[in-house]
């Protein structure tokens, strides 16, 4: 199921003010019209799809560890290039 982000149009509570809140909804579910906490009018924020990086993705973990340039040694294995 996709994750959607909603924000308050005006006012709102700590949950729905910018940057808003995320909610998982089916494609068949109707858009939310009101914040579930305070009842403020909300709108769905358009965002790029989450292609995601898994915490187990070795390339992603190496980049987060500070490596700037990586060379692929074999599938799932990288080494730093100097």
Protein backbone atom coordinates (compact mmCIF):
# COMPACT_ATOMS: atom_id res chain seq x y z
CA UNK A 1 0.00 0.00 0.00
CA UNK A 2 1.28 3.49 -0.77
CA UNK A 3 2.22 6.01 1.88
CA UNK A 4 0.66 9.48 1.55
CA UNK A 5 1.57 12.77 3.23
CA UNK A 6 -1.13 15.23 4.31
CA UNK A 7 -0.76 18.83 5.54
CA UNK A 8 -3.19 21.34 7.04
CA UNK A 9 -4.38 24.11 4.72
CA UNK A 10 -4.50 26.62 7.57
CA UNK A 11 -3.86 26.33 11.28
CA UNK A 12 -3.99 22.77 12.48
CA UNK A 13 -2.31 20.88 15.28
CA UNK A 14 1.29 19.75 15.73
CA UNK A 15 0.46 16.57 13.78
CA UNK A 16 -0.88 18.20 10.62
CA UNK A 17 1.17 21.41 10.39
CA UNK A 18 4.05 21.41 7.92
CA UNK A 19 5.69 18.94 7.24
CA UNK A 20 2.41 17.13 7.94
CA UNK A 21 1.81 13.47 8.66
CA UNK A 22 2.12 10.22 6.76
CA UNK A 23 -0.61 7.64 6.45
CA UNK A 24 -0.71 4.34 4.58
CA UNK A 25 -3.80 4.05 2.42
CA UNK A 26 -5.05 1.69 -0.24
CA UNK A 27 -5.37 3.06 -3.76
CA UNK A 28 -9.13 2.57 -3.35
CA UNK A 29 -9.36 4.64 -0.13
CA UNK A 30 -10.74 8.16 -0.36
CA UNK A 31 -8.41 11.07 0.35
CA UNK A 32 -8.58 12.45 3.87
CA UNK A 33 -10.43 15.75 4.14
CA UNK A 34 -9.77 16.40 7.85
CA UNK A 35 -6.94 15.79 10.29
CA UNK A 36 -7.80 12.77 12.47
CA UNK A 37 -6.46 14.63 15.56
CA UNK A 38 -7.88 18.17 15.36
CA UNK A 39 -10.30 18.13 12.44
CA UNK A 40 -8.47 20.83 10.45
CA UNK A 41 -8.90 20.72 6.67
CA UNK A 42 -5.98 18.86 5.06
CA UNK A 43 -4.68 18.26 1.54
CA UNK A 44 -2.52 15.49 0.12
CA UNK A 45 1.04 16.57 -0.68
CA UNK A 46 2.42 15.33 -3.99
CA UNK A 47 5.80 13.66 -3.52
CA UNK A 48 8.23 11.64 -5.56
CA UNK A 49 7.70 7.90 -5.13
CA UNK A 50 9.86 6.26 -2.51
CA UNK A 51 12.23 4.06 -4.41
CA UNK A 52 13.93 3.52 -1.13
CA UNK A 53 17.24 2.26 0.07
CA UNK A 54 17.19 -0.64 2.40
CA UNK A 55 19.37 -0.41 5.49
CA UNK A 56 20.76 -3.77 4.36
CA UNK A 57 21.75 -2.42 0.92
CA UNK A 58 25.56 -2.56 1.06
CA UNK A 59 26.10 0.29 -1.42
CA UNK A 60 23.79 2.54 0.60
CA UNK A 61 25.49 1.66 3.88
CA UNK A 62 28.95 2.31 2.39
CA UNK A 63 27.85 5.77 1.19
CA UNK A 64 26.45 6.58 4.64
CA UNK A 65 29.75 5.46 6.17
CA UNK A 66 31.48 8.27 4.30
CA UNK A 67 32.86 6.56 1.21
CA UNK A 68 32.66 8.98 -1.73
CA UNK A 69 33.66 6.77 -4.63
CA UNK A 70 33.02 3.04 -4.69
CA UNK A 71 34.05 0.31 -7.09
CA UNK A 72 31.82 -2.73 -7.46
CA UNK A 73 33.87 -5.87 -6.82
CA UNK A 74 31.03 -8.34 -7.26
CA UNK A 75 27.31 -8.45 -6.64
CA UNK A 76 26.63 -6.78 -3.29
CA UNK A 77 30.29 -6.07 -2.59
CA UNK A 78 32.00 -2.69 -3.01
CA UNK A 79 35.41 -1.29 -2.12
CA UNK A 80 36.56 2.32 -1.85
CA UNK A 81 38.51 3.87 -4.73
CA UNK A 82 41.23 6.39 -3.99
